[in-house]
Amino acid sequence: MIIAHEKDTEGHHLESPEVKNVTMKVLVSPEQGWQDHVMRLIELGRGGYTPSHAHDWPHINYIVAGRGVLHMDGQDTPVSAGTYAFVPSGCRHQFRNAGADTFRFICIVPKEGHQI
């Protein structure tokens, strides 16, 4: 069992040519007892974005704060706090921060889909 606050969880700044201003916090994973999935909090700073990519597993996203755009299979959809999205396996997608504030979202993936 785990009960914690995300502010006490260390963030991992992701660096690559495919991402900008991205920090990931692992909230729940097999280390905490959820054997098959990982729940992460992803933060995109001003002008930030995740890689444009597709993979063999689906995932679930819930927007916590800020304004962004979810690019999925060629279509841009504005998203904000309270928006949720299911991204099917094989679907090309990318999140981008569309505001001045930090864009924050929960991303739940199967454990094979988690990388830092």
Protein backbone atom coordinates (compact mmCIF):
# COMPACT_ATOMS: atom_id res chain seq x y z
CA MET A 1 0.00 0.00 0.00
CA ILE A 2 1.13 3.53 -0.70
CA ILE A 3 -0.32 6.86 0.28
CA ALA A 4 1.82 9.82 -0.69
CA HIS A 5 1.81 13.30 -2.16
CA GLU A 6 3.23 13.99 -5.59
CA LYS A 7 5.12 17.03 -4.32
CA ASP A 8 7.29 14.63 -2.31
CA THR A 9 8.08 12.50 -5.38
CA GLU A 10 11.31 13.14 -7.25
CA GLY A 11 10.89 14.22 -10.85
CA HIS A 12 13.09 12.97 -13.67
CA HIS A 13 13.87 15.60 -16.29
CA LEU A 14 13.71 13.91 -19.70
CA GLU A 15 16.25 15.02 -22.24
CA SER A 16 16.40 14.11 -25.91
CA PRO A 17 16.03 15.91 -29.24
CA GLU A 18 12.40 14.65 -29.35
CA VAL A 19 11.22 16.28 -26.09
CA LYS A 20 11.32 19.74 -24.58
CA ASN A 21 10.79 20.87 -20.96
CA VAL A 22 9.48 17.48 -19.76
CA THR A 23 9.59 16.14 -16.21
CA MET A 24 8.19 12.74 -15.19
CA LYS A 25 7.26 11.60 -11.69
CA VAL A 26 6.56 7.90 -11.13
CA LEU A 27 3.67 7.75 -8.66
CA VAL A 28 2.71 4.06 -8.60
CA SER A 29 4.59 1.18 -10.22
CA PRO A 30 5.52 -2.45 -9.60
CA GLU A 31 7.87 -1.15 -6.89
CA GLN A 32 4.79 -0.03 -4.94
CA GLY A 33 2.84 -3.20 -5.71
CA TRP A 34 0.96 -2.43 -8.94
CA GLN A 35 2.44 -5.34 -10.85
CA ASP A 36 1.20 -4.66 -14.36
CA HIS A 37 1.04 -0.86 -14.75
CA VAL A 38 2.78 2.41 -13.99
CA MET A 39 1.05 5.68 -13.13
CA ARG A 40 3.16 8.73 -13.94
CA LEU A 41 2.66 12.47 -13.57
CA ILE A 42 4.11 14.28 -16.57
CA GLU A 43 4.81 17.98 -16.47
CA LEU A 44 5.45 20.07 -19.59
CA GLY A 45 6.95 23.49 -18.99
CA ARG A 46 6.24 26.49 -21.17
CA GLY A 47 6.74 25.45 -24.81
CA GLY A 48 7.21 21.83 -23.76
CA TYR A 49 6.24 18.71 -25.66
CA THR A 50 6.50 14.93 -25.53
CA PRO A 51 7.86 12.94 -28.48
CA SER A 52 5.60 12.25 -31.43
CA HIS A 53 5.44 8.48 -31.30
CA ALA A 54 3.39 5.29 -31.47
CA HIS A 55 3.85 2.02 -29.58
CA ASP A 56 2.37 -1.43 -29.10
CA TRP A 57 0.40 -0.66 -25.93
CA PRO A 58 -2.56 1.58 -25.10
CA HIS A 59 -2.49 4.12 -22.33
CA ILE A 60 -4.81 6.38 -20.37
CA ASN A 61 -4.27 10.08 -19.70
CA TYR A 62 -5.98 12.54 -17.36
CA ILE A 63 -5.20 16.26 -17.54
CA VAL A 64 -4.53 17.69 -14.08
CA ALA A 65 -3.61 21.33 -14.81
CA GLY A 66 -2.85 23.78 -17.58
CA ARG A 67 -3.78 23.85 -21.24
CA GLY A 68 -2.39 21.66 -23.94
CA VAL A 69 -2.92 19.99 -27.27
CA LEU A 70 -3.13 16.25 -27.85
CA HIS A 71 -2.06 15.42 -31.38
CA MET A 72 -3.48 11.99 -32.18
CA ASP A 73 -3.46 10.32 -35.61
CA GLY A 74 -3.10 13.62 -37.44
CA GLN A 75 -5.66 15.61 -35.44
CA ASP A 76 -4.99 18.31 -32.82
CA THR A 77 -7.42 18.43 -29.90
CA PRO A 78 -7.24 21.12 -27.20
CA VAL A 79 -7.18 19.63 -23.70
CA SER A 80 -7.34 21.16 -20.22
CA ALA A 81 -7.84 20.15 -16.59
CA GLY A 82 -10.50 17.46 -16.35
CA THR A 83 -10.00 16.13 -19.89
CA TYR A 84 -9.17 12.44 -20.22
CA ALA A 85 -8.03 10.45 -23.22
CA PHE A 86 -7.54 6.81 -24.16
CA VAL A 87 -4.71 6.39 -26.65
CA PRO A 88 -5.00 3.02 -28.46
CA SER A 89 -1.97 0.93 -29.30
CA GLY A 90 -0.41 1.87 -32.62
CA CYS A 91 -1.81 5.41 -32.55
CA ARG A 92 0.73 8.19 -33.23
CA HIS A 93 0.38 10.84 -30.53
CA GLN A 94 2.06 13.79 -28.83
CA PHE A 95 1.22 16.20 -26.01
CA ARG A 96 2.19 19.88 -26.22
CA ASN A 97 1.87 22.67 -23.69
CA ALA A 98 -0.37 25.37 -25.17
CA GLY A 99 -0.28 27.86 -22.31
CA ALA A 100 1.98 29.96 -20.13
CA ASP A 101 1.58 27.69 -17.09
CA THR A 102 2.90 24.17 -16.54
CA PHE A 103 0.78 21.56 -18.30
CA ARG A 104 0.39 18.48 -16.07
CA PHE A 105 -1.19 15.12 -16.82
CA ILE A 106 -1.42 11.60 -15.43
CA CYS A 107 -0.32 8.86 -17.82
CA ILE A 108 -1.01 5.20 -17.02
CA VAL A 109 0.85 2.63 -19.10
CA PRO A 110 1.51 -1.11 -18.84
CA LYS A 111 4.88 -1.72 -17.19
CA GLU A 112 6.52 -2.58 -20.53
CA GLY A 113 5.61 0.92 -21.71
CA HIS A 114 7.43 2.73 -18.91
CA GLN A 115 10.83 4.24 -19.57
CA ILE A 116 12.81 7.01 -17.92
